[in-house]
Amino acid sequence: MDILISRRTFLRGALASVLVAHSTLAANRSSRRLNFVLINCDDLGYGDLSCYGSPTIRTPNVDRLAAGGVKFTDFDTCAPVCTPSRTGLLTGRYAIRSGLTRVLGPVNTTGIPEDEQTIAEMLKSLGYATALVGKWHLGHLPQYLPTRHGFDYYFGIPYSNNMGDRVDGRPNCPLMRNEEIIEQPAVQETLTERYTSEAVQFIRRNKNKPFFVYLAHNMPHNPVSASERFRGKSKGGLYGDAVECIDWGVGQIVDVLRELGLERNTVVMFTSDNGPNLGSAGILRGKKGQVFEGGVRVPFVAYCPGLIPAGIVCHQQATNLDLFPTLVALAGGRVASDRVIDGRDISKLLTMPGARLPDKPFFYFVTNALQAVRLGRWKLHLGRDNQTLPKPELYNLQLDIRECVDQAEDYPHIVAELRHIAETFVSNLPGGAHIGGSDAPF
């Protein structure tokens, strides 16, 4: 009886301690909303970080985020190229809903529609200071710039770093502060360090209010550049130098948060917009521009001591569409009910070890073409490049992450189910959406 009583007493005490800890955490956070720093790289591959298996590129700062927080092994982007992927990340909606299905450049006169709502706009409405430092790529004309779509401050290049006429051998892309060009062509060797400095300064200026920093590096997109300080330091060559410089910047961000006493109140996230062009997808098949896993599966880690337990490894599929509703939920807001939001709140996967959400269909687009659909472990390919596949290909990603063994003939009922899901989804999309092949998105 004494043993039983002592066990009950212990369990009551343990539960009370947990409740007190959670109440204290909630009380500490109730006086101030969480801050967010979202670091998005350009063309960084699944195999380009040491915590994801790179044998040549050292990323100790990202590795520490992963070890001290959550690391996802199955995180997808909603498109295998820049503009539509970034559109999905910032709006929580497939890019075909806003028409931004192709990569934009300086010759394009379109951009993000005025009625689209970005993460920045949502957080700004909740009292956040918002900044975009780095690559935008959702339209370069004044009405499409970040400052017109929720960002209080902008410093960066409005599209990819390889775009524009050549000047002295350099792409003639402009470096902007807010809506003013301050340098053209942008000196790219020092961009990563300057972006990091701008992000750090913004955090310092807004340390007494909630903030959202979207740090969107231009690297390691081609042309890859690194300053003298980092050049020649990586076993991964110039590409590795550029990635290791980004990693250095991650350390600078965490250092300033720690210095200002904000580390436990700031969610730091690190990811990439799509698979690699020059880098490594690890063991995955495919690369940028393709809907094989190598083109769409990217690193994602999130870190916030006290909110995100250390050492979580999440194997459930999540996507960059999920970041919009997740950040809004963590900020205490609600997504708009007047539009379809394709992503979902995955905060449970961030904060609860072993948590799972129901499987949800995910659709892989290249331009207006739906080329693959996934539900749980099953992924059905319906199109490739500019043509519809003669026969659909079915892969079990749980057993065949390299997408080598087509099981369509063995599981015709799965093929039929996923095809029906794809056809139903496309039938409810704007005109131009179809299943199969697509034109080149570039």
Protein backbone atom coordinates (compact mmCIF):
# COMPACT_ATOMS: atom_id res chain seq x y z
CA MET A 1 0.00 0.00 0.00
CA ASP A 2 2.83 2.37 0.90
CA ILE A 3 4.46 1.63 -2.42
CA LEU A 4 1.18 2.27 -4.26
CA ILE A 5 0.64 5.53 -2.38
CA SER A 6 4.17 6.68 -3.03
CA ARG A 7 3.81 5.90 -6.73
CA ARG A 8 0.55 7.81 -6.91
CA THR A 9 2.12 10.68 -5.00
CA PHE A 10 5.09 10.61 -7.34
CA LEU A 11 2.89 10.61 -10.44
CA ARG A 12 0.77 13.46 -9.09
CA GLY A 13 3.92 15.41 -8.29
CA ALA A 14 5.44 14.70 -11.68
CA LEU A 15 2.24 15.75 -13.46
CA ALA A 16 2.03 18.87 -11.35
CA SER A 17 5.63 19.70 -12.20
CA VAL A 18 4.92 19.32 -15.91
CA LEU A 19 1.80 21.48 -15.64
CA VAL A 20 3.69 24.13 -13.68
CA ALA A 21 6.50 24.10 -16.23
CA HIS A 22 4.05 24.49 -19.11
CA SER A 23 2.12 27.18 -17.23
CA THR A 24 5.34 29.06 -16.53
CA LEU A 25 6.38 28.77 -20.16
CA ALA A 26 2.96 29.96 -21.30
CA ALA A 27 3.06 32.84 -18.84
CA ASN A 28 6.51 33.88 -20.00
CA ARG A 29 5.36 33.77 -23.60
CA SER A 30 1.99 35.40 -22.98
CA SER A 31 3.63 38.77 -22.39
CA ARG A 32 5.31 38.57 -25.76
CA ARG A 33 4.65 36.59 -28.92
CA LEU A 34 7.22 34.26 -30.39
CA ASN A 35 9.71 35.71 -32.86
CA PHE A 36 10.47 33.91 -36.13
CA VAL A 37 13.61 33.70 -38.24
CA LEU A 38 13.07 31.71 -41.43
CA ILE A 39 16.26 31.01 -43.39
CA ASN A 40 15.61 29.82 -46.94
CA CYS A 41 18.54 28.87 -49.19
CA ASP A 42 18.52 28.83 -52.99
CA ASP A 43 19.05 25.44 -54.69
CA LEU A 44 20.52 23.82 -51.55
CA GLY A 45 20.23 20.05 -51.88
CA TYR A 46 19.09 17.39 -49.43
CA GLY A 47 22.68 16.12 -49.20
CA ASP A 48 24.44 19.48 -48.83
CA LEU A 49 24.56 19.68 -45.02
CA SER A 50 26.69 17.58 -42.72
CA CYS A 51 23.66 16.78 -40.54
CA TYR A 52 22.03 15.35 -43.70
CA GLY A 53 25.06 13.29 -44.62
CA SER A 54 27.39 15.53 -46.62
CA PRO A 55 30.91 14.07 -46.46
CA THR A 56 32.62 17.27 -47.61
CA ILE A 57 30.63 20.31 -46.42
CA ARG A 58 30.84 21.26 -42.74
CA THR A 59 27.75 22.93 -41.26
CA PRO A 60 28.26 22.88 -37.48
CA ASN A 61 25.79 25.68 -36.76
CA VAL A 62 22.90 24.11 -38.68
CA ASP A 63 23.90 20.79 -37.13
CA ARG A 64 23.48 22.36 -33.68
CA LEU A 65 20.02 23.62 -34.60
CA ALA A 66 19.07 20.09 -35.67
CA ALA A 67 20.52 18.50 -32.53
CA GLY A 68 18.92 21.09 -30.26
CA GLY A 69 15.53 21.05 -31.99
CA VAL A 70 13.72 19.08 -34.67
CA LYS A 71 15.08 17.70 -37.93
CA PHE A 72 12.70 16.59 -40.67
CA THR A 73 13.75 13.78 -43.00
CA ASP A 74 10.73 14.08 -45.31
CA PHE A 75 10.15 17.79 -46.00
CA ASP A 76 9.02 18.78 -49.50
CA THR A 77 8.71 21.99 -51.44
CA CYS A 78 5.57 22.59 -53.49
CA ALA A 79 7.56 23.12 -56.69
CA PRO A 80 11.06 22.13 -57.86
CA VAL A 81 11.98 25.69 -58.96
CA CYS A 82 12.25 29.12 -57.33
CA THR A 83 9.23 31.35 -57.97
CA PRO A 84 6.39 28.84 -57.42
CA SER A 85 8.16 27.31 -54.42
CA ARG A 86 8.57 30.70 -52.74
CA THR A 87 5.01 31.63 -53.59
CA GLY A 88 3.78 28.51 -51.80
CA LEU A 89 6.01 29.12 -48.80
CA LEU A 90 4.85 32.72 -48.33
CA THR A 91 1.13 32.14 -48.98
CA GLY A 92 0.50 28.54 -47.90
CA ARG A 93 -1.10 27.96 -51.32
CA TYR A 94 -0.03 26.12 -54.45
CA ALA A 95 1.38 28.66 -56.88
CA ILE A 96 -1.16 27.77 -59.56
CA ARG A 97 -3.82 29.51 -57.45
CA SER A 98 -2.03 32.84 -57.97
CA GLY A 99 -0.67 32.20 -61.46
CA LEU A 100 3.02 32.29 -60.41
CA THR A 101 3.86 28.91 -61.88
CA ARG A 102 6.96 29.93 -63.84
CA VAL A 103 10.31 31.39 -62.84
CA LEU A 104 10.16 35.18 -63.13
CA GLY A 105 12.97 37.39 -64.37
CA PRO A 106 13.69 41.03 -65.22
CA VAL A 107 11.82 40.73 -68.53
CA ASN A 108 8.58 39.69 -66.83
CA THR A 109 5.94 42.27 -65.94
CA THR A 110 3.85 40.09 -63.64
CA GLY A 111 4.14 39.25 -59.96
CA ILE A 112 2.28 38.28 -56.83
CA PRO A 113 -1.38 39.37 -57.05
CA GLU A 114 -2.49 42.16 -54.74
CA ASP A 115 -5.15 39.99 -53.13
CA GLU A 116 -2.73 37.24 -52.13
CA GLN A 117 -1.84 37.27 -48.44
CA THR A 118 1.72 36.57 -47.31
CA ILE A 119 3.06 35.35 -43.97
CA ALA A 120 4.46 38.85 -43.50
CA GLU A 121 1.05 40.48 -43.97
CA MET A 122 -0.55 38.11 -41.49
CA LEU A 123 2.16 38.62 -38.86
CA LYS A 124 2.23 42.37 -39.41
CA SER A 125 -1.50 42.46 -38.65
CA LEU A 126 -0.64 40.76 -35.34
CA GLY A 127 1.85 43.47 -34.41
CA TYR A 128 5.06 42.00 -35.81
CA ALA A 129 7.97 43.90 -37.30
CA THR A 130 8.73 42.17 -40.61
CA ALA A 131 11.81 42.03 -42.82
CA LEU A 132 12.89 40.25 -45.97
CA VAL A 133 16.62 40.07 -46.38
CA GLY A 134 17.71 38.40 -49.62
CA LYS A 135 15.94 36.98 -52.64
CA TRP A 136 12.29 37.84 -53.36
CA HIS A 137 11.47 36.47 -56.84
CA LEU A 138 7.75 37.22 -56.83
CA GLY A 139 7.93 40.21 -59.16
CA HIS A 140 10.40 43.10 -59.47
CA LEU A 141 8.12 45.98 -60.48
CA PRO A 142 7.15 48.42 -57.67
CA GLN A 143 3.66 47.02 -57.07
CA TYR A 144 5.07 43.52 -56.53
CA LEU A 145 7.98 44.33 -54.21
CA PRO A 146 8.14 42.94 -50.65
CA THR A 147 7.41 46.37 -49.18
CA ARG A 148 3.98 46.25 -50.86
CA HIS A 149 3.25 42.77 -49.49
CA GLY A 150 3.75 42.92 -45.75
CA PHE A 151 7.45 43.51 -45.23
CA ASP A 152 8.43 46.64 -43.32
CA TYR A 153 12.01 46.37 -44.55
CA TYR A 154 13.64 44.85 -47.60
CA PHE A 155 17.30 44.39 -48.49
CA GLY A 156 18.20 42.09 -51.35
CA ILE A 157 17.95 41.05 -54.99
CA PRO A 158 14.42 40.90 -56.45
CA TYR A 159 15.09 37.73 -58.48
CA SER A 160 17.79 35.10 -59.03
CA ASN A 161 21.43 36.12 -58.91
CA ASN A 162 22.11 34.86 -62.45
CA MET A 163 19.59 37.16 -64.13
CA GLY A 164 20.08 40.38 -66.09
CA ASP A 165 22.48 41.44 -68.82
CA ARG A 166 26.18 40.95 -68.19
CA VAL A 167 28.29 43.88 -67.00
CA ASP A 168 32.02 43.20 -66.77
CA GLY A 169 31.19 39.51 -66.71
CA ARG A 170 28.70 39.87 -63.85
CA PRO A 171 24.92 39.39 -64.00
CA ASN A 172 23.47 42.89 -63.88
CA CYS A 173 21.08 42.17 -61.00
CA PRO A 174 20.28 45.04 -58.64
CA LEU A 175 20.76 45.11 -54.89
CA MET A 176 17.89 47.01 -53.29
CA ARG A 177 17.14 48.60 -49.95
CA ASN A 178 13.38 48.88 -49.65
CA GLU A 179 12.41 50.19 -53.12
CA GLU A 180 15.71 51.85 -54.04
CA ILE A 181 18.55 50.29 -56.01
CA ILE A 182 21.75 50.85 -54.03
CA GLU A 183 24.16 48.71 -56.08
CA GLN A 184 24.13 47.36 -59.63
CA PRO A 185 25.44 44.91 -60.48
CA ALA A 186 25.35 43.45 -57.01
CA VAL A 187 28.72 42.36 -55.66
CA GLN A 188 27.85 38.76 -54.98
CA GLU A 189 31.02 37.58 -53.25
CA THR A 190 29.96 39.31 -50.03
CA LEU A 191 26.17 38.98 -50.33
CA THR A 192 25.77 36.22 -47.74
CA GLU A 193 27.73 38.14 -45.13
CA ARG A 194 25.89 41.38 -45.87
CA TYR A 195 22.55 39.60 -45.68
CA THR A 196 23.52 38.15 -42.30
CA SER A 197 24.57 41.58 -41.04
CA GLU A 198 21.29 43.14 -42.19
CA ALA A 199 19.28 40.41 -40.44
CA VAL A 200 21.26 40.84 -37.23
CA GLN A 201 20.77 44.62 -37.30
CA PHE A 202 17.02 44.23 -37.83
CA ILE A 203 16.81 41.88 -34.85
CA ARG A 204 18.69 44.38 -32.70
CA ARG A 205 16.44 47.26 -33.77
CA ASN A 206 13.31 45.27 -32.96
CA LYS A 207 14.42 43.38 -29.88
CA ASN A 208 11.60 44.85 -27.80
CA LYS A 209 8.75 43.76 -30.06
CA PRO A 210 7.85 40.54 -31.91
CA PHE A 211 9.61 40.19 -35.25
CA PHE A 212 9.64 38.01 -38.35
CA VAL A 213 12.84 37.84 -40.38
CA TYR A 214 12.72 36.02 -43.70
CA LEU A 215 16.39 35.55 -44.59
CA ALA A 216 16.38 34.26 -48.18
CA HIS A 217 19.94 33.64 -49.32
CA ASN A 218 20.82 33.82 -53.01
CA MET A 219 23.44 31.13 -52.47
CA PRO A 220 24.30 28.47 -53.41
CA HIS A 221 22.49 29.25 -56.68
CA ASN A 222 24.73 29.57 -59.72
CA PRO A 223 26.87 31.70 -60.09
CA VAL A 224 28.21 30.50 -56.76
CA SER A 225 30.26 33.09 -54.90
CA ALA A 226 32.07 33.37 -51.60
CA SER A 227 34.25 36.07 -50.10
CA GLU A 228 38.00 35.78 -49.61
CA ARG A 229 37.31 34.98 -45.98
CA PHE A 230 35.58 31.70 -46.89
CA ARG A 231 37.05 30.86 -50.30
CA GLY A 232 39.14 27.71 -50.37
CA LYS A 233 38.14 26.61 -46.86
CA SER A 234 35.73 23.78 -47.70
CA LYS A 235 36.49 20.30 -48.99
CA GLY A 236 33.39 20.81 -51.12
CA GLY A 237 35.10 23.39 -53.35
CA LEU A 238 33.60 26.82 -54.06
CA TYR A 239 30.10 25.41 -53.65
CA GLY A 240 31.04 24.12 -50.22
CA ASP A 241 32.60 27.49 -49.37
CA ALA A 242 29.28 29.21 -50.13
CA VAL A 243 27.30 26.75 -48.00
CA GLU A 244 29.74 27.03 -45.12
CA CYS A 245 29.43 30.81 -45.27
CA ILE A 246 25.65 30.43 -44.95
CA ASP A 247 26.26 28.16 -41.96
CA TRP A 248 28.50 30.82 -40.39
CA GLY A 249 25.59 33.24 -40.77
CA VAL A 250 23.29 30.84 -38.92
CA GLY A 251 25.73 30.98 -36.02
CA GLN A 252 25.68 34.78 -36.08
CA ILE A 253 21.88 34.79 -35.89
CA VAL A 254 21.80 32.42 -32.91
CA ASP A 255 24.57 34.38 -31.18
CA VAL A 256 22.67 37.66 -31.33
CA LEU A 257 19.46 36.00 -30.13
CA ARG A 258 21.37 34.53 -27.20
CA GLU A 259 23.06 37.87 -26.45
CA LEU A 260 19.70 39.69 -26.39
CA GLY A 261 18.01 37.03 -24.27
CA LEU A 262 15.70 36.07 -27.14
CA GLU A 263 16.91 32.55 -27.93
CA ARG A 264 14.14 30.84 -25.95
CA ASN A 265 11.50 33.07 -27.51
CA THR A 266 12.54 32.79 -31.17
CA VAL A 267 11.82 29.95 -33.59
CA VAL A 268 14.73 29.63 -36.02
CA MET A 269 13.99 27.57 -39.14
CA PHE A 270 16.37 26.52 -41.91
CA THR A 271 15.40 25.08 -45.30
CA SER A 272 15.79 25.36 -49.10
CA ASP A 273 13.46 26.40 -51.91
CA ASN A 274 14.03 23.26 -54.04
CA GLY A 275 16.53 20.54 -54.83
CA PRO A 276 20.05 21.14 -56.11
CA ASN A 277 21.29 22.27 -59.49
CA LEU A 278 25.01 22.14 -58.67
CA GLY A 279 24.96 20.47 -55.26
CA SER A 280 23.95 17.07 -53.93
CA ALA A 281 20.57 15.44 -53.38
CA GLY A 282 22.27 12.66 -51.42
CA ILE A 283 20.84 9.26 -52.28
CA LEU A 284 17.72 10.77 -53.85
CA ARG A 285 16.90 10.53 -57.54
CA GLY A 286 16.56 13.72 -59.55
CA LYS A 287 17.46 17.38 -59.11
CA LYS A 288 16.07 20.89 -59.44
CA GLY A 289 13.26 21.13 -61.99
CA GLN A 290 12.09 17.54 -61.46
CA VAL A 291 9.45 16.07 -59.18
CA PHE A 292 11.58 13.11 -58.21
CA GLU A 293 12.51 13.37 -54.54
CA GLY A 294 15.87 14.93 -55.37
CA GLY A 295 14.08 17.92 -56.88
CA VAL A 296 11.58 18.51 -54.09
CA ARG A 297 12.79 16.95 -50.83
CA VAL A 298 14.93 19.46 -48.90
CA PRO A 299 16.43 19.92 -45.46
CA PHE A 300 14.25 21.46 -42.76
CA VAL A 301 15.25 22.02 -39.15
CA ALA A 302 13.61 24.16 -36.47
CA TYR A 303 15.04 25.32 -33.15
CA CYS A 304 13.58 27.08 -30.11
CA PRO A 305 14.77 25.91 -26.67
CA GLY A 306 11.87 25.53 -24.28
CA LEU A 307 9.30 25.22 -27.06
CA ILE A 308 10.90 22.62 -29.33
CA PRO A 309 12.46 19.69 -27.43
CA ALA A 310 16.00 18.79 -28.40
CA GLY A 311 16.76 15.79 -30.57
CA ILE A 312 13.44 15.26 -32.36
CA VAL A 313 13.74 13.53 -35.72
CA CYS A 314 10.45 13.69 -37.62
CA HIS A 315 9.91 11.18 -40.43
CA GLN A 316 6.39 12.28 -41.40
CA GLN A 317 5.98 14.24 -44.61
CA ALA A 318 5.59 17.98 -44.20
CA THR A 319 5.92 20.75 -46.78
CA ASN A 320 6.82 24.39 -47.21
CA LEU A 321 3.10 25.10 -47.68
CA ASP A 322 2.72 24.25 -43.99
CA LEU A 323 4.93 27.09 -42.78
CA PHE A 324 2.30 29.80 -43.36
CA PRO A 325 -0.45 28.27 -41.15
CA THR A 326 2.12 27.02 -38.61
CA LEU A 327 3.72 30.41 -38.01
CA VAL A 328 0.35 32.11 -37.86
CA ALA A 329 -0.83 29.58 -35.26
CA LEU A 330 2.34 29.93 -33.18
CA ALA A 331 1.86 33.70 -33.28
CA GLY A 332 -1.63 33.32 -31.87
CA GLY A 333 -3.48 34.21 -35.05
CA ARG A 334 -5.82 32.48 -37.46
CA VAL A 335 -5.49 32.07 -41.20
CA ALA A 336 -8.03 33.82 -43.39
CA SER A 337 -11.24 31.91 -44.07
CA ASP A 338 -11.95 33.60 -47.41
CA ARG A 339 -9.49 31.48 -49.41
CA VAL A 340 -8.15 27.95 -49.70
CA ILE A 341 -5.00 27.37 -47.64
CA ASP A 342 -3.30 24.23 -48.91
CA GLY A 343 -0.84 23.93 -46.04
CA ARG A 344 -1.70 22.91 -42.49
CA ASP A 345 -0.50 23.69 -38.98
CA ILE A 346 2.36 21.29 -38.15
CA SER A 347 3.28 22.83 -34.79
CA LYS A 348 2.62 19.45 -33.11
CA LEU A 349 5.35 17.91 -35.24
CA LEU A 350 7.71 20.65 -34.07
CA THR A 351 6.94 20.48 -30.38
CA MET A 352 5.85 16.93 -29.55
CA PRO A 353 8.27 14.00 -29.98
CA GLY A 354 6.57 11.14 -31.82
CA ALA A 355 3.56 13.22 -32.88
CA ARG A 356 1.79 12.34 -36.10
CA LEU A 357 -0.84 14.00 -38.25
CA PRO A 358 -3.20 12.22 -40.64
CA ASP A 359 -1.75 11.61 -44.09
CA LYS A 360 -2.79 14.29 -46.56
CA PRO A 361 -2.53 14.29 -50.38
CA PHE A 362 0.31 16.40 -51.74
CA PHE A 363 0.55 17.57 -55.33
CA TYR A 364 3.71 18.20 -57.35
CA PHE A 365 3.43 20.83 -60.06
CA VAL A 366 5.79 21.96 -62.80
CA THR A 367 4.27 25.09 -64.33
CA ASN A 368 0.52 24.36 -64.66
CA ALA A 369 1.00 20.61 -64.90
CA LEU A 370 0.40 18.27 -62.01
CA GLN A 371 3.14 15.68 -62.52
CA ALA A 372 2.86 13.61 -59.35
CA VAL A 373 0.65 13.06 -56.32
CA ARG A 374 1.54 11.56 -52.97
CA LEU A 375 -0.45 10.13 -50.08
CA GLY A 376 1.51 8.69 -47.19
CA ARG A 377 4.16 6.31 -48.45
CA TRP A 378 2.78 6.12 -52.01
CA LYS A 379 3.81 8.53 -54.77
CA LEU A 380 2.32 8.34 -58.27
CA HIS A 381 4.14 9.96 -61.21
CA LEU A 382 1.85 11.02 -64.07
CA GLY A 383 4.03 13.32 -66.17
CA ARG A 384 7.64 14.17 -66.86
CA ASP A 385 9.32 17.01 -68.69
CA ASN A 386 6.93 18.03 -71.49
CA GLN A 387 4.88 14.87 -71.81
CA THR A 388 2.40 12.67 -70.00
CA LEU A 389 3.81 9.29 -69.03
CA PRO A 390 2.48 6.42 -71.19
CA LYS A 391 1.97 4.48 -67.97
CA PRO A 392 1.88 5.98 -64.49
CA GLU A 393 4.73 5.04 -62.17
CA LEU A 394 4.08 4.15 -58.53
CA TYR A 395 6.76 4.22 -55.84
CA ASN A 396 6.66 3.19 -52.19
CA LEU A 397 8.82 5.89 -50.60
CA GLN A 398 8.92 4.07 -47.29
CA LEU A 399 10.80 1.17 -48.91
CA ASP A 400 12.18 2.84 -52.03
CA ILE A 401 13.26 6.40 -51.31
CA ARG A 402 15.32 6.39 -54.52
CA GLU A 403 12.21 5.84 -56.65
CA CYS A 404 13.78 2.91 -58.51
CA VAL A 405 11.15 0.17 -58.37
CA ASP A 406 7.88 0.95 -60.18
CA GLN A 407 5.05 -0.92 -58.43
CA ALA A 408 2.14 0.32 -60.55
CA GLU A 409 1.34 -3.13 -61.95
CA ASP A 410 1.41 -4.68 -58.47
CA TYR A 411 -0.96 -2.15 -56.88
CA PRO A 412 -3.48 -1.04 -59.52
CA HIS A 413 -5.98 -0.02 -56.83
CA ILE A 414 -3.45 2.43 -55.37
CA VAL A 415 -2.81 3.82 -58.85
CA ALA A 416 -6.56 4.26 -59.40
CA GLU A 417 -7.04 5.93 -56.02
CA LEU A 418 -4.19 8.41 -56.46
CA ARG A 419 -5.17 9.18 -60.05
CA HIS A 420 -8.72 9.95 -58.87
CA ILE A 421 -7.35 12.23 -56.14
CA ALA A 422 -5.23 14.04 -58.72
CA GLU A 423 -8.05 14.43 -61.24
CA THR A 424 -10.45 15.71 -58.59
CA PHE A 425 -7.95 18.25 -57.33
CA VAL A 426 -7.11 19.59 -60.79
CA SER A 427 -10.78 19.86 -61.71
CA ASN A 428 -11.24 22.42 -58.93
CA LEU A 429 -8.25 24.60 -59.89
CA PRO A 430 -8.10 27.71 -62.09
CA GLY A 431 -8.02 27.31 -65.87
CA GLY A 432 -4.80 26.03 -67.33
CA ALA A 433 -4.25 23.36 -64.70
CA HIS A 434 -3.84 19.88 -66.15
CA ILE A 435 -2.24 16.51 -65.49
CA GLY A 436 0.85 15.38 -67.32
CA GLY A 437 3.71 17.14 -69.05
CA SER A 438 4.65 20.79 -68.92
CA ASP A 439 6.75 23.35 -70.72
CA ALA A 440 10.11 24.22 -69.18
CA PRO A 441 9.53 26.41 -66.10
CA PHE A 442 12.57 28.60 -66.77
